[in-house]
Amino acid sequence: MNNNAPSDAPVLSFLGPQGTFTDQALRTQEDLKEMSLTPTVSISEALQRVNDGRADLGFVAIENSIEGSVNITQDTLTFDTDLLIQREVVISVQMNLLVRPGTKIADITEVVSFPHATAQCRGWLAKNLPQAKHQAANSTADAARQLAESGEPHTAAIGTARAAEVYGLDILASAIEDHHENQTRFVLVAKEGIPAPTGHDKTSLVVFQRADRPGSLLGILQEFAARAINLTRLESRPTKQGLGDYCFLMDVEGHVADELVADCLRNLHMKHGEVKFLGSYPSGSGSGNGDADLRSAASTESAAADVWLTEVRKQIQG
């Protein structure tokens, strides 16, 4: 925890301990470093703390350019909490093989790390440590901490250079990730509030199909295409309601304050099923969309969709 923060500083929970990639990304944001920082042992705990009011903000990884979505983050936001994304932060990721001083590569029989990190190094591990067993940890920094505390000379951890510094470990091999253009995307979340539009924004949502029928996904996608809204991410996740029952996770360019984006969300809600709004927030690469008048409500369903959208947009700040 940041003991230097003022007593009235907002509380921010993040996946700890010190030395995680989350910690590294968090410390690129000057305003966040000044908050009361509370490390948690898991991503779900970091998000639940915000959801139940024990923290004001949460900061977690949501997507990696190599391994895709961080499922525990996406599932917790989709099914278990009612949180809104406030910001995204993208950093380049370098994986390092950490050992206790004196350990050589020939000594290593076990590698411990966060599963996403291990997966991003599978090629290097297969070539250089083919016989080593892989063990999971809650985070890359937790793996480094475990190694430092255990004194185990035959174990290595995959983690950050910062973790090596914090826990007194040596970097036996650096940049062991299989793809050196490796990036991870993190999100800042809060219980309420939508940042004001900047003109370079992104909107995240989840669409639950009203009926599984031929062309249902096409119908959803056509809502975006008809308004020239760029879809930057689309993937499916099980709803956990039954085999073959999926929802669609989407990121699109634009802000819910933009009339075309608002019209699209309204029609998705009205025609295609339940929509969970996860936030509109500044993006480094997104762009706002132009204006278009919303069509008049023509049915009970249309009116209900208007009410839903109004409640979402009331939370826009500024």
Protein backbone atom coordinates (compact mmCIF):
# COMPACT_ATOMS: atom_id res chain seq x y z
CA MET A 1 0.00 0.00 0.00
CA ASN A 2 1.19 3.55 -0.73
CA ASN A 3 1.82 4.81 2.80
CA ASN A 4 2.83 8.24 1.50
CA ALA A 5 -0.61 8.98 0.07
CA PRO A 6 -2.76 11.58 1.89
CA SER A 7 -5.39 10.11 4.21
CA ASP A 8 -8.16 11.35 1.93
CA ALA A 9 -6.58 9.99 -1.27
CA PRO A 10 -8.74 7.65 -3.38
CA VAL A 11 -8.09 3.94 -2.79
CA LEU A 12 -6.93 2.03 -5.87
CA SER A 13 -6.74 -1.77 -5.88
CA PHE A 14 -4.47 -3.61 -8.30
CA LEU A 15 -2.98 -7.06 -8.83
CA GLY A 16 0.08 -7.18 -6.58
CA PRO A 17 2.49 -7.54 -5.00
CA GLN A 18 5.14 -5.01 -6.05
CA GLY A 19 6.83 -5.92 -9.30
CA THR A 20 3.87 -7.18 -11.35
CA PHE A 21 3.33 -5.91 -14.87
CA THR A 22 0.20 -4.29 -13.46
CA ASP A 23 2.37 -2.42 -10.97
CA GLN A 24 4.69 -1.41 -13.81
CA ALA A 25 1.81 -0.10 -15.95
CA LEU A 26 0.22 1.67 -12.98
CA ARG A 27 3.41 3.59 -12.31
CA THR A 28 3.36 5.11 -15.80
CA GLN A 29 0.29 7.12 -14.70
CA GLU A 30 1.38 10.06 -12.55
CA ASP A 31 -2.07 10.74 -11.08
CA LEU A 32 -2.59 7.10 -10.08
CA LYS A 33 0.76 6.84 -8.30
CA GLU A 34 -0.45 9.48 -5.83
CA MET A 35 -3.43 7.39 -4.71
CA SER A 36 -3.62 4.96 -1.81
CA LEU A 37 -2.45 1.83 -3.63
CA THR A 38 -3.75 -1.50 -2.34
CA PRO A 39 -2.26 -4.66 -3.87
CA THR A 40 -4.50 -7.74 -4.06
CA VAL A 41 -3.73 -11.41 -4.55
CA SER A 42 -5.98 -11.80 -7.59
CA ILE A 43 -7.59 -9.83 -10.41
CA SER A 44 -11.07 -10.79 -9.23
CA GLU A 45 -10.35 -9.42 -5.74
CA ALA A 46 -9.09 -6.13 -7.19
CA LEU A 47 -12.36 -5.73 -9.11
CA GLN A 48 -14.63 -6.94 -6.31
CA ARG A 49 -13.11 -4.41 -3.92
CA VAL A 50 -14.31 -1.64 -6.22
CA ASN A 51 -17.68 -3.27 -6.74
CA ASP A 52 -18.44 -3.50 -3.02
CA GLY A 53 -17.03 -0.09 -2.13
CA ARG A 54 -13.79 -1.05 -0.39
CA ALA A 55 -11.82 0.69 -3.16
CA ASP A 56 -12.61 3.68 -5.35
CA LEU A 57 -10.78 2.41 -8.42
CA GLY A 58 -9.31 -0.80 -9.78
CA PHE A 59 -6.47 -1.36 -12.24
CA VAL A 60 -6.13 -4.71 -14.02
CA ALA A 61 -4.91 -6.34 -17.23
CA ILE A 62 -7.64 -7.08 -19.76
CA GLU A 63 -5.89 -8.06 -23.00
CA ASN A 64 -2.53 -9.22 -24.34
CA SER A 65 -1.44 -8.91 -27.96
CA ILE A 66 -0.21 -12.53 -27.98
CA GLU A 67 -2.58 -14.47 -25.72
CA GLY A 68 -5.72 -12.37 -26.21
CA SER A 69 -8.19 -11.51 -23.46
CA VAL A 70 -7.41 -12.03 -19.79
CA ASN A 71 -10.49 -14.15 -19.20
CA ILE A 72 -10.77 -13.63 -15.46
CA THR A 73 -10.91 -9.86 -16.00
CA GLN A 74 -13.43 -10.06 -18.81
CA ASP A 75 -15.65 -12.56 -16.99
CA THR A 76 -15.62 -10.59 -13.73
CA LEU A 77 -16.59 -7.39 -15.56
CA THR A 78 -19.25 -9.21 -17.58
CA PHE A 79 -20.91 -11.44 -15.00
CA ASP A 80 -19.88 -10.53 -11.45
CA THR A 81 -19.62 -6.74 -11.15
CA ASP A 82 -21.18 -3.50 -12.35
CA LEU A 83 -18.12 -1.42 -13.14
CA LEU A 84 -17.25 1.10 -15.84
CA ILE A 85 -13.91 1.42 -17.63
CA GLN A 86 -12.40 4.89 -17.15
CA ARG A 87 -9.09 4.60 -18.99
CA GLU A 88 -6.87 2.18 -20.85
CA VAL A 89 -3.09 1.91 -20.58
CA VAL A 90 -0.95 -0.13 -22.99
CA ILE A 91 2.65 -1.08 -22.21
CA SER A 92 5.28 -3.21 -23.92
CA VAL A 93 6.00 -6.40 -22.01
CA GLN A 94 9.42 -8.00 -21.54
CA MET A 95 9.64 -11.36 -19.80
CA ASN A 96 12.75 -12.37 -17.86
CA LEU A 97 13.89 -15.63 -16.29
CA LEU A 98 14.57 -14.89 -12.62
CA VAL A 99 16.62 -17.11 -10.30
CA ARG A 100 18.23 -17.01 -6.89
CA PRO A 101 21.88 -15.89 -6.99
CA GLY A 102 24.11 -18.79 -8.06
CA THR A 103 21.46 -20.80 -9.90
CA LYS A 104 22.49 -21.87 -13.41
CA ILE A 105 20.16 -22.86 -16.23
CA ALA A 106 21.25 -26.51 -15.92
CA ASP A 107 20.00 -26.49 -12.30
CA ILE A 108 16.41 -25.54 -13.17
CA THR A 109 13.73 -28.23 -12.92
CA GLU A 110 10.69 -26.01 -12.32
CA VAL A 111 9.42 -22.68 -13.67
CA VAL A 112 6.73 -20.73 -11.82
CA SER A 113 4.75 -17.72 -13.05
CA PHE A 114 1.35 -16.28 -13.91
CA PRO A 115 -0.15 -18.59 -16.59
CA HIS A 116 -0.43 -15.80 -19.19
CA ALA A 117 3.28 -15.04 -18.76
CA THR A 118 4.30 -18.69 -19.07
CA ALA A 119 2.22 -19.04 -22.24
CA GLN A 120 3.95 -16.04 -23.80
CA CYS A 121 7.33 -17.79 -23.33
CA ARG A 122 6.37 -21.33 -24.34
CA GLY A 123 8.73 -21.43 -27.35
CA TRP A 124 11.75 -20.27 -25.35
CA LEU A 125 10.94 -22.66 -22.53
CA ALA A 126 10.51 -25.61 -24.91
CA LYS A 127 13.92 -24.90 -26.44
CA ASN A 128 15.92 -24.04 -23.32
CA LEU A 129 14.11 -25.83 -20.45
CA PRO A 130 12.22 -28.69 -22.11
CA GLN A 131 12.18 -30.89 -19.00
CA ALA A 132 11.13 -28.21 -16.51
CA LYS A 133 7.71 -28.44 -14.89
CA HIS A 134 5.47 -25.37 -15.04
CA GLN A 135 3.72 -24.15 -11.90
CA ALA A 136 1.10 -21.39 -11.69
CA ALA A 137 1.26 -18.33 -9.43
CA ASN A 138 -1.25 -15.54 -8.85
CA SER A 139 1.03 -13.05 -10.63
CA THR A 140 4.54 -12.74 -12.01
CA ALA A 141 5.61 -10.85 -8.89
CA ASP A 142 4.03 -13.48 -6.63
CA ALA A 143 6.15 -16.07 -8.43
CA ALA A 144 9.27 -14.00 -7.78
CA ARG A 145 8.32 -13.53 -4.12
CA GLN A 146 7.71 -17.27 -3.66
CA LEU A 147 11.10 -18.05 -5.18
CA ALA A 148 12.91 -15.52 -3.00
CA GLU A 149 11.25 -16.79 0.18
CA SER A 150 11.68 -20.49 -0.58
CA GLY A 151 15.42 -20.42 -1.24
CA GLU A 152 14.81 -23.11 -3.87
CA PRO A 153 17.94 -23.43 -6.09
CA HIS A 154 16.20 -25.52 -8.78
CA THR A 155 13.28 -23.17 -9.47
CA ALA A 156 13.05 -20.15 -11.75
CA ALA A 157 10.35 -17.51 -12.06
CA ILE A 158 9.21 -15.52 -15.08
CA GLY A 159 8.77 -11.86 -14.27
CA THR A 160 9.80 -8.24 -14.57
CA ALA A 161 13.18 -6.64 -13.99
CA ARG A 162 11.44 -4.68 -11.23
CA ALA A 163 10.50 -7.94 -9.49
CA ALA A 164 14.13 -9.09 -9.62
CA GLU A 165 15.15 -5.83 -7.96
CA VAL A 166 12.43 -5.97 -5.30
CA TYR A 167 13.02 -9.61 -4.31
CA GLY A 168 16.81 -9.84 -4.67
CA LEU A 169 16.87 -12.21 -7.64
CA ASP A 170 19.18 -12.45 -10.63
CA ILE A 171 18.05 -12.16 -14.25
CA LEU A 172 19.41 -15.34 -15.84
CA ALA A 173 17.91 -14.60 -19.26
CA SER A 174 16.14 -11.47 -20.49
CA ALA A 175 13.52 -10.90 -23.20
CA ILE A 176 12.46 -14.56 -23.28
CA GLU A 177 9.00 -13.80 -24.68
CA ASP A 178 8.36 -15.51 -28.03
CA HIS A 179 7.13 -12.31 -29.67
CA HIS A 180 9.07 -9.14 -28.94
CA GLU A 181 6.23 -6.87 -30.06
CA ASN A 182 4.37 -8.13 -27.00
CA GLN A 183 1.98 -5.60 -25.44
CA THR A 184 -0.56 -5.78 -22.63
CA ARG A 185 -3.59 -3.54 -22.23
CA PHE A 186 -4.74 -2.51 -18.75
CA VAL A 187 -7.96 -0.78 -17.71
CA LEU A 188 -8.85 1.55 -14.86
CA VAL A 189 -12.36 0.88 -13.57
CA ALA A 190 -14.78 2.61 -11.20
CA LYS A 191 -18.25 1.95 -9.83
CA GLU A 192 -19.80 4.87 -11.69
CA GLY A 193 -19.05 7.72 -14.06
CA ILE A 194 -18.35 7.96 -17.78
CA PRO A 195 -15.45 10.22 -18.82
CA ALA A 196 -16.46 13.10 -21.07
CA PRO A 197 -15.82 12.49 -24.78
CA THR A 198 -12.44 13.54 -26.16
CA GLY A 199 -13.03 12.83 -29.86
CA HIS A 200 -10.63 9.88 -29.61
CA ASP A 201 -12.59 7.36 -27.58
CA LYS A 202 -13.42 3.70 -27.30
CA THR A 203 -16.60 2.01 -26.08
CA SER A 204 -16.70 -1.51 -24.61
CA LEU A 205 -19.83 -3.63 -24.36
CA VAL A 206 -21.16 -7.17 -24.12
CA VAL A 207 -24.10 -8.35 -26.25
CA PHE A 208 -26.19 -11.32 -25.12
CA GLN A 209 -28.20 -12.73 -28.02
CA ARG A 210 -31.96 -12.78 -27.62
CA ALA A 211 -32.15 -15.88 -29.83
CA ASP A 212 -29.54 -18.18 -31.35
CA ARG A 213 -30.54 -18.32 -34.99
CA PRO A 214 -28.83 -18.12 -38.39
CA GLY A 215 -27.63 -14.61 -39.10
CA SER A 216 -27.90 -13.35 -35.53
CA LEU A 217 -24.24 -12.30 -35.36
CA LEU A 218 -24.50 -10.78 -38.83
CA GLY A 219 -27.46 -8.70 -37.66
CA ILE A 220 -25.44 -7.40 -34.73
CA LEU A 221 -22.47 -6.51 -36.93
CA GLN A 222 -24.68 -4.75 -39.45
CA GLU A 223 -25.73 -2.26 -36.77
CA PHE A 224 -22.11 -1.06 -36.66
CA ALA A 225 -21.47 -1.28 -40.40
CA ALA A 226 -24.59 0.73 -41.26
CA ARG A 227 -23.25 3.62 -39.17
CA ALA A 228 -19.60 3.29 -40.28
CA ILE A 229 -18.56 2.49 -36.70
CA ASN A 230 -15.25 0.64 -36.57
CA LEU A 231 -15.24 -2.54 -34.49
CA THR A 232 -11.77 -2.94 -32.96
CA ARG A 233 -12.37 -6.15 -31.00
CA LEU A 234 -14.89 -8.97 -31.26
CA GLU A 235 -14.80 -12.27 -29.43
CA SER A 236 -17.21 -14.71 -27.86
CA ARG A 237 -17.33 -16.01 -24.30
CA PRO A 238 -19.55 -18.69 -22.75
CA THR A 239 -22.43 -17.22 -20.76
CA LYS A 240 -22.09 -20.10 -18.27
CA GLN A 241 -25.80 -20.80 -18.78
CA GLY A 242 -25.40 -23.85 -20.99
CA LEU A 243 -23.25 -25.53 -23.61
CA GLY A 244 -23.17 -23.49 -26.80
CA ASP A 245 -24.61 -20.35 -25.16
CA TYR A 246 -22.25 -17.45 -25.91
CA CYS A 247 -22.14 -13.68 -25.57
CA PHE A 248 -20.11 -11.28 -27.68
CA LEU A 249 -17.44 -8.96 -26.27
CA MET A 250 -16.93 -5.83 -28.34
CA ASP A 251 -14.77 -2.72 -28.44
CA VAL A 252 -15.76 -0.01 -30.92
CA GLU A 253 -14.39 3.38 -31.84
CA GLY A 254 -16.42 6.27 -30.47
CA HIS A 255 -18.25 7.39 -27.32
CA VAL A 256 -21.78 6.82 -26.08
CA ALA A 257 -22.21 10.61 -26.28
CA ASP A 258 -21.75 10.37 -30.07
CA GLU A 259 -25.18 10.14 -31.68
CA LEU A 260 -24.23 7.37 -34.11
CA VAL A 261 -22.76 5.22 -31.34
CA ALA A 262 -25.77 5.92 -29.13
CA ASP A 263 -28.15 4.99 -31.96
CA CYS A 264 -26.24 1.77 -32.54
CA LEU A 265 -26.36 0.76 -28.86
CA ARG A 266 -30.05 1.60 -28.69
CA ASN A 267 -30.81 -0.64 -31.66
CA LEU A 268 -28.67 -3.47 -30.32
CA HIS A 269 -30.60 -3.30 -27.05
CA MET A 270 -33.95 -3.14 -28.83
CA LYS A 271 -33.46 -5.74 -31.58
CA HIS A 272 -30.78 -8.19 -30.63
CA GLY A 273 -30.79 -8.84 -26.89
CA GLU A 274 -29.40 -7.67 -23.59
CA VAL A 275 -26.49 -5.24 -23.79
CA LYS A 276 -24.07 -4.69 -20.92
CA PHE A 277 -22.32 -1.33 -21.22
CA LEU A 278 -18.73 -1.48 -19.89
CA GLY A 279 -17.75 2.12 -20.55
CA SER A 280 -16.72 4.85 -22.98
CA TYR A 281 -13.22 6.15 -22.32
CA PRO A 282 -10.22 7.85 -23.96
CA SER A 283 -8.30 5.80 -26.51
CA GLY A 284 -4.92 6.47 -28.05
CA SER A 285 -6.07 5.24 -31.46
CA GLY A 286 -9.87 5.50 -31.54
CA SER A 287 -11.85 8.36 -33.01
CA GLY A 288 -15.23 9.89 -32.41
CA ASN A 289 -18.09 9.35 -34.81
CA GLY A 290 -20.27 11.96 -36.51
CA ASP A 291 -23.77 13.09 -35.60
CA ALA A 292 -26.98 11.39 -36.57
CA ASP A 293 -30.46 11.98 -35.14
CA LEU A 294 -31.91 9.13 -33.14
CA ARG A 295 -34.99 7.63 -34.69
CA SER A 296 -38.25 8.25 -32.81
CA ALA A 297 -39.54 5.55 -30.52
CA ALA A 298 -42.12 3.52 -32.43
CA SER A 299 -42.97 0.74 -30.01
CA THR A 300 -42.84 -0.29 -26.37
CA GLU A 301 -39.49 -1.97 -26.99
CA SER A 302 -38.17 1.19 -28.61
CA ALA A 303 -39.25 3.32 -25.63
CA ALA A 304 -37.65 0.88 -23.19
CA ALA A 305 -34.39 1.05 -25.13
CA ASP A 306 -34.49 4.86 -24.95
CA VAL A 307 -34.91 4.72 -21.16
CA TRP A 308 -31.97 2.32 -20.84
CA LEU A 309 -29.69 4.54 -22.93
CA THR A 310 -30.71 7.66 -21.01
CA GLU A 311 -29.75 6.03 -17.71
CA VAL A 312 -26.34 5.07 -19.13
CA ARG A 313 -25.64 8.55 -20.49
CA LYS A 314 -26.60 10.30 -17.23
CA GLN A 315 -23.27 9.12 -15.85
CA ILE A 316 -21.16 11.11 -18.33
CA GLN A 317 -18.92 13.50 -16.45
CA GLY A 318 -18.11 17.06 -17.45
